[in-house]
Amino acid sequence: MSTSFHDSKPIFVQVRERIEDQIVNDQLKEGEQAPSTNQLVQFYKINHATISKGVTQLVEEGILFKKRGVGMFVAEGAKQKLIQKRKQAFMDNYVIGLVQEAKKLQISENEIIELIKQAKGR
């Protein structure tokens, strides 16, 4: 996992997304303990408040939950929630624009499917 960040998004968002990626990719499984805020601070070498903000969002979304005195854990159903959230984002960020552009260019649904198959084959 990379410890560097880019300027396109706030760092707390990137931290949150990296934890989400670990859940989606089964590196962190439901019910397992997630890294503590202190572990994340040491790993990324960034401010505690920045890490806390990203982790707090995951807790508020029901992706992580805290057990007092024990730590943070991945919630049941977290992976599915994240997949659904990301599918919706994929639709909003990519598919809608693709369909709109295809309509302007008079590309049929079958042609779109064929283009996607070609792209997957590359």
PDB file of N, CA and C in Angstrom:
ATOM      1  N   MET A   1       0.855  -1.173   0.000  1.00  0.00           N
ATOM      2  CA  MET A   1       0.000   0.000   0.000  1.00  0.00           C
ATOM      3  C   MET A   1       0.899   1.233   0.000  1.00  0.00           C
ATOM      4  N   SER A   2       0.583   2.165  -0.843  1.00  0.00           N
ATOM      5  CA  SER A   2       1.372   3.387  -0.959  1.00  0.00           C
ATOM      6  C   SER A   2       1.107   4.316   0.229  1.00  0.00           C
ATOM      7  N   THR A   3       2.154   5.004   0.639  1.00  0.00           N
ATOM      8  CA  THR A   3       1.999   5.971   1.726  1.00  0.00           C
ATOM      9  C   THR A   3       1.958   7.391   1.200  1.00  0.00           C
ATOM     10  N   SER A   4       2.060   7.554  -0.116  1.00  0.00           N
ATOM     11  CA  SER A   4       2.031   8.907  -0.680  1.00  0.00           C
ATOM     12  C   SER A   4       0.608   9.290  -1.070  1.00  0.00           C
ATOM     13  N   PHE A   5       0.369  10.583  -1.081  1.00  0.00           N
ATOM     14  CA  PHE A   5      -0.953  11.108  -1.403  1.00  0.00           C
ATOM     15  C   PHE A   5      -0.829  12.081  -2.571  1.00  0.00           C
ATOM     16  N   HIS A   6      -1.942  12.303  -3.272  1.00  0.00           N
ATOM     17  CA  HIS A   6      -1.950  13.256  -4.383  1.00  0.00           C
ATOM     18  C   HIS A   6      -2.808  14.461  -4.020  1.00  0.00           C
ATOM     19  N   ASP A   7      -2.720  15.484  -4.825  1.00  0.00           N
ATOM     20  CA  ASP A   7      -3.389  16.754  -4.523  1.00  0.00           C
ATOM     21  C   ASP A   7      -4.833  16.837  -5.008  1.00  0.00           C
ATOM     22  N   SER A   8      -5.317  15.807  -5.688  1.00  0.00           N
ATOM     23  CA  SER A   8      -6.648  15.907  -6.291  1.00  0.00           C
ATOM     24  C   SER A   8      -7.794  15.814  -5.287  1.00  0.00           C
ATOM     25  N   LYS A   9      -7.529  15.247  -4.101  1.00  0.00           N
ATOM     26  CA  LYS A   9      -8.565  15.085  -3.068  1.00  0.00           C
ATOM     27  C   LYS A   9      -7.930  15.378  -1.714  1.00  0.00           C
ATOM     28  N   PRO A  10      -8.752  15.765  -0.745  1.00  0.00           N
ATOM     29  CA  PRO A  10      -8.213  15.925   0.611  1.00  0.00           C
ATOM     30  C   PRO A  10      -7.625  14.603   1.120  1.00  0.00           C
ATOM     31  N   ILE A  11      -6.597  14.696   1.939  1.00  0.00           N
ATOM     32  CA  ILE A  11      -5.912  13.496   2.433  1.00  0.00           C
ATOM     33  C   ILE A  11      -6.846  12.608   3.240  1.00  0.00           C
ATOM     34  N   PHE A  12      -7.736  13.190   4.061  1.00  0.00           N
ATOM     35  CA  PHE A  12      -8.639  12.344   4.862  1.00  0.00           C
ATOM     36  C   PHE A  12      -9.550  11.510   3.960  1.00  0.00           C
ATOM     37  N   VAL A  13      -9.914  12.033   2.790  1.00  0.00           N
ATOM     38  CA  VAL A  13     -10.737  11.283   1.840  1.00  0.00           C
ATOM     39  C   VAL A  13      -9.916  10.123   1.266  1.00  0.00           C
ATOM     40  N   GLN A  14      -8.657  10.392   0.954  1.00  0.00           N
ATOM     41  CA  GLN A  14      -7.791   9.347   0.408  1.00  0.00           C
ATOM     42  C   GLN A  14      -7.542   8.238   1.436  1.00  0.00           C
ATOM     43  N   VAL A  15      -7.382   8.604   2.703  1.00  0.00           N
ATOM     44  CA  VAL A  15      -7.224   7.608   3.767  1.00  0.00           C
ATOM     45  C   VAL A  15      -8.486   6.753   3.850  1.00  0.00           C
ATOM     46  N   ARG A  16      -9.643   7.411   3.861  1.00  0.00           N
ATOM     47  CA  ARG A  16     -10.915   6.676   3.918  1.00  0.00           C
ATOM     48  C   ARG A  16     -11.041   5.715   2.733  1.00  0.00           C
ATOM     49  N   GLU A  17     -10.692   6.197   1.535  1.00  0.00           N
ATOM     50  CA  GLU A  17     -10.805   5.360   0.337  1.00  0.00           C
ATOM     51  C   GLU A  17      -9.837   4.185   0.374  1.00  0.00           C
ATOM     52  N   ARG A  18      -8.678   4.370   0.971  1.00  0.00           N
ATOM     53  CA  ARG A  18      -7.723   3.255   1.080  1.00  0.00           C
ATOM     54  C   ARG A  18      -8.255   2.179   2.016  1.00  0.00           C
ATOM     55  N   ILE A  19      -8.889   2.581   3.092  1.00  0.00           N
ATOM     56  CA  ILE A  19      -9.501   1.609   3.999  1.00  0.00           C
ATOM     57  C   ILE A  19     -10.654   0.912   3.278  1.00  0.00           C
ATOM     58  N   GLU A  20     -11.455   1.684   2.549  1.00  0.00           N
ATOM     59  CA  GLU A  20     -12.546   1.093   1.768  1.00  0.00           C
ATOM     60  C   GLU A  20     -12.003   0.074   0.777  1.00  0.00           C
ATOM     61  N   ASP A  21     -10.906   0.420   0.083  1.00  0.00           N
ATOM     62  CA  ASP A  21     -10.294  -0.502  -0.878  1.00  0.00           C
ATOM     63  C   ASP A  21      -9.894  -1.812  -0.206  1.00  0.00           C
ATOM     64  N   GLN A  22      -9.337  -1.711   0.994  1.00  0.00           N
ATOM     65  CA  GLN A  22      -8.929  -2.919   1.714  1.00  0.00           C
ATOM     66  C   GLN A  22     -10.136  -3.806   2.032  1.00  0.00           C
ATOM     67  N   ILE A  23     -11.259  -3.189   2.315  1.00  0.00           N
ATOM     68  CA  ILE A  23     -12.480  -3.960   2.607  1.00  0.00           C
ATOM     69  C   ILE A  23     -13.016  -4.595   1.322  1.00  0.00           C
ATOM     70  N   VAL A  24     -13.107  -3.812   0.260  1.00  0.00           N
ATOM     71  CA  VAL A  24     -13.625  -4.328  -1.016  1.00  0.00           C
ATOM     72  C   VAL A  24     -12.733  -5.444  -1.558  1.00  0.00           C
ATOM     73  N   ASN A  25     -11.417  -5.315  -1.360  1.00  0.00           N
ATOM     74  CA  ASN A  25     -10.473  -6.306  -1.875  1.00  0.00           C
ATOM     75  C   ASN A  25     -10.219  -7.459  -0.901  1.00  0.00           C
ATOM     76  N   ASP A  26     -11.010  -7.537   0.178  1.00  0.00           N
ATOM     77  CA  ASP A  26     -10.917  -8.603   1.183  1.00  0.00           C
ATOM     78  C   ASP A  26      -9.592  -8.630   1.949  1.00  0.00           C
ATOM     79  N   GLN A  27      -8.874  -7.513   1.967  1.00  0.00           N
ATOM     80  CA  GLN A  27      -7.690  -7.430   2.819  1.00  0.00           C
ATOM     81  C   GLN A  27      -8.130  -7.212   4.267  1.00  0.00           C
ATOM     82  N   LEU A  28      -9.254  -6.542   4.439  1.00  0.00           N
ATOM     83  CA  LEU A  28      -9.921  -6.392   5.734  1.00  0.00           C
ATOM     84  C   LEU A  28     -11.288  -7.031   5.584  1.00  0.00           C
ATOM     85  N   LYS A  29     -11.554  -8.051   6.344  1.00  0.00           N
ATOM     86  CA  LYS A  29     -12.833  -8.757   6.236  1.00  0.00           C
ATOM     87  C   LYS A  29     -13.809  -8.290   7.315  1.00  0.00           C
ATOM     88  N   GLU A  30     -15.075  -8.487   7.035  1.00  0.00           N
ATOM     89  CA  GLU A  30     -16.118  -8.118   7.980  1.00  0.00           C
ATOM     90  C   GLU A  30     -15.887  -8.841   9.303  1.00  0.00           C
ATOM     91  N   GLY A  31     -15.991  -8.089  10.393  1.00  0.00           N
ATOM     92  CA  GLY A  31     -15.770  -8.637  11.721  1.00  0.00           C
ATOM     93  C   GLY A  31     -14.325  -8.543  12.188  1.00  0.00           C
ATOM     94  N   GLU A  32     -13.405  -8.305  11.260  1.00  0.00           N
ATOM     95  CA  GLU A  32     -11.994  -8.194  11.633  1.00  0.00           C
ATOM     96  C   GLU A  32     -11.683  -6.811  12.202  1.00  0.00           C
ATOM     97  N   GLN A  33     -10.642  -6.780  13.007  1.00  0.00           N
ATOM     98  CA  GLN A  33     -10.205  -5.506  13.571  1.00  0.00           C
ATOM     99  C   GLN A  33      -9.478  -4.705  12.495  1.00  0.00           C
ATOM    100  N   ALA A  34      -9.837  -3.445  12.392  1.00  0.00           N
ATOM    101  CA  ALA A  34      -9.192  -2.518  11.457  1.00  0.00           C
ATOM    102  C   ALA A  34      -7.996  -1.881  12.164  1.00  0.00           C
ATOM    103  N   PRO A  35      -7.048  -1.343  11.396  1.00  0.00           N
ATOM    104  CA  PRO A  35      -5.919  -0.657  12.032  1.00  0.00           C
ATOM    105  C   PRO A  35      -6.425   0.496  12.903  1.00  0.00           C
ATOM    106  N   SER A  36      -5.744   0.700  14.011  1.00  0.00           N
ATOM    107  CA  SER A  36      -6.120   1.801  14.898  1.00  0.00           C
ATOM    108  C   SER A  36      -5.715   3.130  14.274  1.00  0.00           C
ATOM    109  N   THR A  37      -6.300   4.191  14.784  1.00  0.00           N
ATOM    110  CA  THR A  37      -5.942   5.537  14.326  1.00  0.00           C
ATOM    111  C   THR A  37      -4.449   5.765  14.536  1.00  0.00           C
ATOM    112  N   ASN A  38      -3.925   5.342  15.683  1.00  0.00           N
ATOM    113  CA  ASN A  38      -2.493   5.514  15.955  1.00  0.00           C
ATOM    114  C   ASN A  38      -1.622   4.732  14.975  1.00  0.00           C
ATOM    115  N   GLN A  39      -2.032   3.524  14.619  1.00  0.00           N
ATOM    116  CA  GLN A  39      -1.284   2.742  13.631  1.00  0.00           C
ATOM    117  C   GLN A  39      -1.280   3.443  12.276  1.00  0.00           C
ATOM    118  N   LEU A  40      -2.437   4.001  11.904  1.00  0.00           N
ATOM    119  CA  LEU A  40      -2.531   4.707  10.625  1.00  0.00           C
ATOM    120  C   LEU A  40      -1.680   5.978  10.628  1.00  0.00           C
ATOM    121  N   VAL A  41      -1.656   6.686  11.756  1.00  0.00           N
ATOM    122  CA  VAL A  41      -0.826   7.892  11.885  1.00  0.00           C
ATOM    123  C   VAL A  41       0.639   7.519  11.675  1.00  0.00           C
ATOM    124  N   GLN A  42       1.087   6.451  12.317  1.00  0.00           N
ATOM    125  CA  GLN A  42       2.481   6.023  12.189  1.00  0.00           C
ATOM    126  C   GLN A  42       2.791   5.548  10.771  1.00  0.00           C
ATOM    127  N   PHE A  43       1.877   4.820  10.167  1.00  0.00           N
ATOM    128  CA  PHE A  43       2.101   4.281   8.832  1.00  0.00           C
ATOM    129  C   PHE A  43       2.191   5.390   7.787  1.00  0.00           C
ATOM    130  N   TYR A  44       1.207   6.301   7.813  1.00  0.00           N
ATOM    131  CA  TYR A  44       1.156   7.363   6.805  1.00  0.00           C
ATOM    132  C   TYR A  44       1.977   8.589   7.179  1.00  0.00           C
ATOM    133  N   LYS A  45       2.335   8.689   8.465  1.00  0.00           N
ATOM    134  CA  LYS A  45       3.102   9.835   8.958  1.00  0.00           C
ATOM    135  C   LYS A  45       2.392  11.166   8.671  1.00  0.00           C
ATOM    136  N   ILE A  46       1.108  11.182   9.035  1.00  0.00           N
ATOM    137  CA  ILE A  46       0.311  12.401   8.893  1.00  0.00           C
ATOM    138  C   ILE A  46      -0.422  12.681  10.202  1.00  0.00           C
ATOM    139  N   ASN A  47      -1.001  13.849  10.271  1.00  0.00           N
ATOM    140  CA  ASN A  47      -1.670  14.351  11.457  1.00  0.00           C
ATOM    141  C   ASN A  47      -2.792  13.423  11.927  1.00  0.00           C
ATOM    142  N   HIS A  48      -2.888  13.257  13.240  1.00  0.00           N
ATOM    143  CA  HIS A  48      -3.923  12.418  13.859  1.00  0.00           C
ATOM    144  C   HIS A  48      -5.328  12.888  13.485  1.00  0.00           C
ATOM    145  N   ALA A  49      -5.548  14.199  13.461  1.00  0.00           N
ATOM    146  CA  ALA A  49      -6.874  14.748  13.146  1.00  0.00           C
ATOM    147  C   ALA A  49      -7.292  14.379  11.723  1.00  0.00           C
ATOM    148  N   THR A  50      -6.333  14.331  10.803  1.00  0.00           N
ATOM    149  CA  THR A  50      -6.624  13.974   9.406  1.00  0.00           C
ATOM    150  C   THR A  50      -7.093  12.530   9.320  1.00  0.00           C
ATOM    151  N   ILE A  51      -6.359  11.641   9.973  1.00  0.00           N
ATOM    152  CA  ILE A  51      -6.744  10.226   9.999  1.00  0.00           C
ATOM    153  C   ILE A  51      -8.110  10.069  10.651  1.00  0.00           C
ATOM    154  N   SER A  52      -8.304  10.738  11.797  1.00  0.00           N
ATOM    155  CA  SER A  52      -9.558  10.628  12.545  1.00  0.00           C
ATOM    156  C   SER A  52     -10.754  11.048  11.712  1.00  0.00           C
ATOM    157  N   LYS A  53     -10.580  12.091  10.913  1.00  0.00           N
ATOM    158  CA  LYS A  53     -11.695  12.575  10.093  1.00  0.00           C
ATOM    159  C   LYS A  53     -12.134  11.505   9.090  1.00  0.00           C
ATOM    160  N   GLY A  54     -11.184  10.851   8.418  1.00  0.00           N
ATOM    161  CA  GLY A  54     -11.522   9.794   7.465  1.00  0.00           C
ATOM    162  C   GLY A  54     -12.155   8.594   8.146  1.00  0.00           C
ATOM    163  N   VAL A  55     -11.597   8.188   9.276  1.00  0.00           N
ATOM    164  CA  VAL A  55     -12.115   7.033  10.014  1.00  0.00           C
ATOM    165  C   VAL A  55     -13.508   7.329  10.569  1.00  0.00           C
ATOM    166  N   THR A  56     -13.697   8.542  11.080  1.00  0.00           N
ATOM    167  CA  THR A  56     -15.005   8.941  11.622  1.00  0.00           C
ATOM    168  C   THR A  56     -16.087   8.851  10.552  1.00  0.00           C
ATOM    169  N   GLN A  57     -15.768   9.248   9.337  1.00  0.00           N
ATOM    170  CA  GLN A  57     -16.745   9.136   8.251  1.00  0.00           C
ATOM    171  C   GLN A  57     -17.141   7.681   8.021  1.00  0.00           C
ATOM    172  N   LEU A  58     -16.156   6.781   8.077  1.00  0.00           N
ATOM    173  CA  LEU A  58     -16.463   5.359   7.896  1.00  0.00           C
ATOM    174  C   LEU A  58     -17.335   4.822   9.023  1.00  0.00           C
ATOM    175  N   VAL A  59     -17.126   5.314  10.226  1.00  0.00           N
ATOM    176  CA  VAL A  59     -17.963   4.919  11.366  1.00  0.00           C
ATOM    177  C   VAL A  59     -19.380   5.450  11.158  1.00  0.00           C
ATOM    178  N   GLU A  60     -19.498   6.711  10.746  1.00  0.00           N
ATOM    179  CA  GLU A  60     -20.820   7.317  10.527  1.00  0.00           C
ATOM    180  C   GLU A  60     -21.589   6.613   9.415  1.00  0.00           C
ATOM    181  N   GLU A  61     -20.877   6.074   8.424  1.00  0.00           N
ATOM    182  CA  GLU A  61     -21.521   5.366   7.306  1.00  0.00           C
ATOM    183  C   GLU A  61     -21.817   3.906   7.643  1.00  0.00           C
ATOM    184  N   GLY A  62     -21.404   3.456   8.830  1.00  0.00           N
ATOM    185  CA  GLY A  62     -21.654   2.072   9.223  1.00  0.00           C
ATOM    186  C   GLY A  62     -20.698   1.076   8.597  1.00  0.00           C
ATOM    187  N   ILE A  63     -19.558   1.545   8.105  1.00  0.00           N
ATOM    188  CA  ILE A  63     -18.559   0.656   7.514  1.00  0.00           C
ATOM    189  C   ILE A  63     -17.654   0.092   8.613  1.00  0.00           C
ATOM    190  N   LEU A  64     -17.291   0.929   9.554  1.00  0.00           N
ATOM    191  CA  LEU A  64     -16.515   0.518  10.725  1.00  0.00           C
ATOM    192  C   LEU A  64     -17.343   0.769  11.972  1.00  0.00           C
ATOM    193  N   PHE A  65     -17.038   0.045  13.048  1.00  0.00           N
ATOM    194  CA  PHE A  65     -17.657   0.347  14.327  1.00  0.00           C
ATOM    195  C   PHE A  65     -16.597   0.216  15.412  1.00  0.00           C
ATOM    196  N   LYS A  66     -16.813   0.960  16.488  1.00  0.00           N
ATOM    197  CA  LYS A  66     -15.852   0.974  17.588  1.00  0.00           C
ATOM    198  C   LYS A  66     -16.346   0.094  18.725  1.00  0.00           C
ATOM    199  N   LYS A  67     -15.427  -0.666  19.285  1.00  0.00           N
ATOM    200  CA  LYS A  67     -15.679  -1.389  20.532  1.00  0.00           C
ATOM    201  C   LYS A  67     -14.829  -0.689  21.573  1.00  0.00           C
ATOM    202  N   ARG A  68     -15.484  -0.074  22.506  1.00  0.00           N
ATOM    203  CA  ARG A  68     -14.788   0.723  23.521  1.00  0.00           C
ATOM    204  C   ARG A  68     -13.693  -0.091  24.218  1.00  0.00           C
ATOM    205  N   GLY A  69     -12.493   0.447  24.204  1.00  0.00           N
ATOM    206  CA  GLY A  69     -11.368  -0.188  24.856  1.00  0.00           C
ATOM    207  C   GLY A  69     -10.735  -1.328  24.075  1.00  0.00           C
ATOM    208  N   VAL A  70     -11.316  -1.681  22.941  1.00  0.00           N
ATOM    209  CA  VAL A  70     -10.799  -2.802  22.153  1.00  0.00           C
ATOM    210  C   VAL A  70     -10.242  -2.324  20.818  1.00  0.00           C
ATOM    211  N   GLY A  71     -11.009  -1.483  20.121  1.00  0.00           N
ATOM    212  CA  GLY A  71     -10.552  -0.984  18.826  1.00  0.00           C
ATOM    213  C   GLY A  71     -11.680  -0.817  17.835  1.00  0.00           C
ATOM    214  N   MET A  72     -11.271  -0.722  16.590  1.00  0.00           N
ATOM    215  CA  MET A  72     -12.198  -0.487  15.487  1.00  0.00           C
ATOM    216  C   MET A  72     -12.314  -1.778  14.666  1.00  0.00           C
ATOM    217  N   PHE A  73     -13.541  -2.077  14.208  1.00  0.00           N
ATOM    218  CA  PHE A  73     -13.792  -3.310  13.480  1.00  0.00           C
ATOM    219  C   PHE A  73     -14.602  -3.024  12.220  1.00  0.00           C
ATOM    220  N   VAL A  74     -14.466  -3.929  11.251  1.00  0.00           N
ATOM    221  CA  VAL A  74     -15.234  -3.827  10.010  1.00  0.00           C
ATOM    222  C   VAL A  74     -16.633  -4.363  10.285  1.00  0.00           C
ATOM    223  N   ALA A  75     -17.641  -3.567   9.971  1.00  0.00           N
ATOM    224  CA  ALA A  75     -19.036  -3.930  10.231  1.00  0.00           C
ATOM    225  C   ALA A  75     -19.515  -5.017   9.273  1.00  0.00           C
ATOM    226  N   GLU A  76     -20.474  -5.794   9.745  1.00  0.00           N
ATOM    227  CA  GLU A  76     -21.137  -6.773   8.883  1.00  0.00           C
ATOM    228  C   GLU A  76     -21.857  -6.018   7.767  1.00  0.00           C
ATOM    229  N   GLY A  77     -21.750  -6.494   6.554  1.00  0.00           N
ATOM    230  CA  GLY A  77     -22.400  -5.849   5.411  1.00  0.00           C
ATOM    231  C   GLY A  77     -21.615  -4.680   4.841  1.00  0.00           C
ATOM    232  N   ALA A  78     -20.442  -4.388   5.412  1.00  0.00           N
ATOM    233  CA  ALA A  78     -19.647  -3.234   4.959  1.00  0.00           C
ATOM    234  C   ALA A  78     -19.214  -3.381   3.504  1.00  0.00           C
ATOM    235  N   LYS A  79     -18.743  -4.555   3.142  1.00  0.00           N
ATOM    236  CA  LYS A  79     -18.262  -4.761   1.767  1.00  0.00           C
ATOM    237  C   LYS A  79     -19.392  -4.519   0.761  1.00  0.00           C
ATOM    238  N   GLN A  80     -20.557  -5.078   1.037  1.00  0.00           N
ATOM    239  CA  GLN A  80     -21.683  -4.910   0.113  1.00  0.00           C
ATOM    240  C   GLN A  80     -22.112  -3.445   0.025  1.00  0.00           C
ATOM    241  N   LYS A  81     -22.128  -2.747   1.168  1.00  0.00           N
ATOM    242  CA  LYS A  81     -22.462  -1.314   1.165  1.00  0.00           C
ATOM    243  C   LYS A  81     -21.496  -0.536   0.283  1.00  0.00           C
ATOM    244  N   LEU A  82     -20.209  -0.847   0.429  1.00  0.00           N
ATOM    245  CA  LEU A  82     -19.194  -0.145  -0.353  1.00  0.00           C
ATOM    246  C   LEU A  82     -19.315  -0.457  -1.842  1.00  0.00           C
ATOM    247  N   ILE A  83     -19.588  -1.710  -2.156  1.00  0.00           N
ATOM    248  CA  ILE A  83     -19.750  -2.086  -3.565  1.00  0.00           C
ATOM    249  C   ILE A  83     -20.942  -1.348  -4.176  1.00  0.00           C
ATOM    250  N   GLN A  84     -22.058  -1.293  -3.451  1.00  0.00           N
ATOM    251  CA  GLN A  84     -23.236  -0.576  -3.951  1.00  0.00           C
ATOM    252  C   GLN A  84     -22.932   0.909  -4.135  1.00  0.00           C
ATOM    253  N   LYS A  85     -22.251   1.512  -3.154  1.00  0.00           N
ATOM    254  CA  LYS A  85     -21.890   2.921  -3.232  1.00  0.00           C
ATOM    255  C   LYS A  85     -21.000   3.183  -4.445  1.00  0.00           C
ATOM    256  N   ARG A  86     -20.041   2.294  -4.660  1.00  0.00           N
ATOM    257  CA  ARG A  86     -19.117   2.462  -5.784  1.00  0.00           C
ATOM    258  C   ARG A  86     -19.776   2.194  -7.126  1.00  0.00           C
ATOM    259  N   LYS A  87     -20.718   1.271  -7.173  1.00  0.00           N
ATOM    260  CA  LYS A  87     -21.461   1.039  -8.415  1.00  0.00           C
ATOM    261  C   LYS A  87     -22.254   2.286  -8.795  1.00  0.00           C
ATOM    262  N   GLN A  88     -22.868   2.917  -7.798  1.00  0.00           N
ATOM    263  CA  GLN A  88     -23.619   4.140  -8.064  1.00  0.00           C
ATOM    264  C   GLN A  88     -22.682   5.247  -8.543  1.00  0.00           C
ATOM    265  N   ALA A  89     -21.524   5.365  -7.917  1.00  0.00           N
ATOM    266  CA  ALA A  89     -20.540   6.370  -8.336  1.00  0.00           C
ATOM    267  C   ALA A  89     -20.049   6.079  -9.748  1.00  0.00           C
ATOM    268  N   PHE A  90     -19.862   4.811 -10.077  1.00  0.00           N
ATOM    269  CA  PHE A  90     -19.445   4.416 -11.428  1.00  0.00           C
ATOM    270  C   PHE A  90     -20.500   4.844 -12.446  1.00  0.00           C
ATOM    271  N   MET A  91     -21.750   4.601 -12.097  1.00  0.00           N
ATOM    272  CA  MET A  91     -22.856   5.007 -12.968  1.00  0.00           C
ATOM    273  C   MET A  91     -22.842   6.519 -13.170  1.00  0.00           C
ATOM    274  N   ASP A  92     -22.755   7.254 -12.066  1.00  0.00           N
ATOM    275  CA  ASP A  92     -22.799   8.716 -12.132  1.00  0.00           C
ATOM    276  C   ASP A  92     -21.592   9.307 -12.854  1.00  0.00           C
ATOM    277  N   ASN A  93     -20.409   8.749 -12.598  1.00  0.00           N
ATOM    278  CA  ASN A  93     -19.185   9.344 -13.120  1.00  0.00           C
ATOM    279  C   ASN A  93     -18.788   8.880 -14.511  1.00  0.00           C
ATOM    280  N   TYR A  94     -19.240   7.697 -14.911  1.00  0.00           N
ATOM    281  CA  TYR A  94     -18.782   7.147 -16.179  1.00  0.00           C
ATOM    282  C   TYR A  94     -19.907   6.775 -17.138  1.00  0.00           C
ATOM    283  N   VAL A  95     -20.858   5.987 -16.661  1.00  0.00           N
ATOM    284  CA  VAL A  95     -21.859   5.424 -17.556  1.00  0.00           C
ATOM    285  C   VAL A  95     -22.784   6.496 -18.126  1.00  0.00           C
ATOM    286  N   ILE A  96     -23.253   7.394 -17.288  1.00  0.00           N
ATOM    287  CA  ILE A  96     -24.181   8.429 -17.778  1.00  0.00           C
ATOM    288  C   ILE A  96     -23.529   9.264 -18.871  1.00  0.00           C
ATOM    289  N   GLY A  97     -22.296   9.684 -18.651  1.00  0.00           N
ATOM    290  CA  GLY A  97     -21.578  10.460 -19.666  1.00  0.00           C
ATOM    291  C   GLY A  97     -21.338   9.670 -20.934  1.00  0.00           C
ATOM    292  N   LEU A  98     -21.001   8.397 -20.779  1.00  0.00           N
ATOM    293  CA  LEU A  98     -20.792   7.528 -21.939  1.00  0.00           C
ATOM    294  C   LEU A  98     -22.070   7.412 -22.768  1.00  0.00           C
ATOM    295  N   VAL A  99     -23.179   7.181 -22.105  1.00  0.00           N
ATOM    296  CA  VAL A  99     -24.461   7.028 -22.807  1.00  0.00           C
ATOM    297  C   VAL A  99     -24.859   8.334 -23.498  1.00  0.00           C
ATOM    298  N   GLN A 100     -24.648   9.447 -22.810  1.00  0.00           N
ATOM    299  CA  GLN A 100     -24.978  10.746 -23.419  1.00  0.00           C
ATOM    300  C   GLN A 100     -24.131  11.017 -24.649  1.00  0.00           C
ATOM    301  N   GLU A 101     -22.849  10.733 -24.571  1.00  0.00           N
ATOM    302  CA  GLU A 101     -21.961  10.949 -25.722  1.00  0.00           C
ATOM    303  C   GLU A 101     -22.306   9.986 -26.854  1.00  0.00           C
ATOM    304  N   ALA A 102     -22.612   8.733 -26.516  1.00  0.00           N
ATOM    305  CA  ALA A 102     -22.994   7.751 -27.535  1.00  0.00           C
ATOM    306  C   ALA A 102     -24.260   8.200 -28.264  1.00  0.00           C
ATOM    307  N   LYS A 103     -25.191   8.778 -27.517  1.00  0.00           N
ATOM    308  CA  LYS A 103     -26.432   9.270 -28.135  1.00  0.00           C
ATOM    309  C   LYS A 103     -26.129  10.384 -29.132  1.00  0.00           C
ATOM    310  N   LYS A 104     -25.248  11.316 -28.746  1.00  0.00           N
ATOM    311  CA  LYS A 104     -24.865  12.408 -29.652  1.00  0.00           C
ATOM    312  C   LYS A 104     -24.230  11.872 -30.926  1.00  0.00           C
ATOM    313  N   LEU A 105     -23.445  10.802 -30.778  1.00  0.00           N
ATOM    314  CA  LEU A 105     -22.727  10.227 -31.917  1.00  0.00           C
ATOM    315  C   LEU A 105     -23.539   9.159 -32.642  1.00  0.00           C
ATOM    316  N   GLN A 106     -24.764   8.958 -32.184  1.00  0.00           N
ATOM    317  CA  GLN A 106     -25.677   7.966 -32.754  1.00  0.00           C
ATOM    318  C   GLN A 106     -25.073   6.560 -32.730  1.00  0.00           C
ATOM    319  N   ILE A 107     -24.447   6.232 -31.623  1.00  0.00           N
ATOM    320  CA  ILE A 107     -23.890   4.897 -31.427  1.00  0.00           C
ATOM    321  C   ILE A 107     -24.969   4.058 -30.767  1.00  0.00           C
ATOM    322  N   SER A 108     -25.265   2.924 -31.365  1.00  0.00           N
ATOM    323  CA  SER A 108     -26.326   2.055 -30.840  1.00  0.00           C
ATOM    324  C   SER A 108     -25.863   1.331 -29.581  1.00  0.00           C
ATOM    325  N   GLU A 109     -26.841   0.775 -28.864  1.00  0.00           N
ATOM    326  CA  GLU A 109     -26.537   0.012 -27.656  1.00  0.00           C
ATOM    327  C   GLU A 109     -25.616  -1.161 -27.975  1.00  0.00           C
ATOM    328  N   ASN A 110     -25.904  -1.853 -29.082  1.00  0.00           N
ATOM    329  CA  ASN A 110     -25.059  -2.983 -29.488  1.00  0.00           C
ATOM    330  C   ASN A 110     -23.636  -2.526 -29.795  1.00  0.00           C
ATOM    331  N   GLU A 111     -23.500  -1.366 -30.428  1.00  0.00           N
ATOM    332  CA  GLU A 111     -22.161  -0.848 -30.728  1.00  0.00           C
ATOM    333  C   GLU A 111     -21.412  -0.493 -29.438  1.00  0.00           C
ATOM    334  N   ILE A 112     -22.140   0.077 -28.476  1.00  0.00           N
ATOM    335  CA  ILE A 112     -21.518   0.395 -27.176  1.00  0.00           C
ATOM    336  C   ILE A 112     -21.000  -0.885 -26.526  1.00  0.00           C
ATOM    337  N   ILE A 113     -21.821  -1.916 -26.530  1.00  0.00           N
ATOM    338  CA  ILE A 113     -21.425  -3.192 -25.933  1.00  0.00           C
ATOM    339  C   ILE A 113     -20.194  -3.749 -26.642  1.00  0.00           C
ATOM    340  N   GLU A 114     -20.189  -3.656 -27.953  1.00  0.00           N
ATOM    341  CA  GLU A 114     -19.041  -4.141 -28.728  1.00  0.00           C
ATOM    342  C   GLU A 114     -17.777  -3.343 -28.402  1.00  0.00           C
ATOM    343  N   LEU A 115     -17.907  -2.041 -28.268  1.00  0.00           N
ATOM    344  CA  LEU A 115     -16.756  -1.200 -27.911  1.00  0.00           C
ATOM    345  C   LEU A 115     -16.225  -1.549 -26.518  1.00  0.00           C
ATOM    346  N   ILE A 116     -17.137  -1.828 -25.591  1.00  0.00           N
ATOM    347  CA  ILE A 116     -16.722  -2.217 -24.240  1.00  0.00           C
ATOM    348  C   ILE A 116     -15.981  -3.549 -24.282  1.00  0.00           C
ATOM    349  N   LYS A 117     -16.488  -4.489 -25.055  1.00  0.00           N
ATOM    350  CA  LYS A 117     -15.805  -5.790 -25.201  1.00  0.00           C
ATOM    351  C   LYS A 117     -14.411  -5.610 -25.789  1.00  0.00           C
ATOM    352  N   GLN A 118     -14.290  -4.727 -26.773  1.00  0.00           N
ATOM    353  CA  GLN A 118     -12.978  -4.457 -27.372  1.00  0.00           C
ATOM    354  C   GLN A 118     -12.025  -3.864 -26.336  1.00  0.00           C
ATOM    355  N   ALA A 119     -12.541  -2.932 -25.553  1.00  0.00           N
ATOM    356  CA  ALA A 119     -11.708  -2.279 -24.537  1.00  0.00           C
ATOM    357  C   ALA A 119     -11.261  -3.296 -23.477  1.00  0.00           C
ATOM    358  N   LYS A 120     -12.153  -4.198 -23.083  1.00  0.00           N
ATOM    359  CA  LYS A 120     -11.801  -5.223 -22.092  1.00  0.00           C
ATOM    360  C   LYS A 120     -10.743  -6.158 -22.622  1.00  0.00           C
ATOM    361  N   GLY A 121     -10.752  -6.389 -23.942  1.00  0.00           N
ATOM    362  CA  GLY A 121      -9.797  -7.304 -24.557  1.00  0.00           C
ATOM    363  C   GLY A 121      -8.392  -6.741 -24.685  1.00  0.00           C
ATOM    364  N   ARG A 122      -8.244  -5.452 -24.481  1.00  0.00           N
ATOM    365  CA  ARG A 122      -6.905  -4.824 -24.633  1.00  0.00           C
ATOM    366  C   ARG A 122      -6.011  -5.160 -23.494  1.00  0.00           C
TER     367      ARG A 122
END
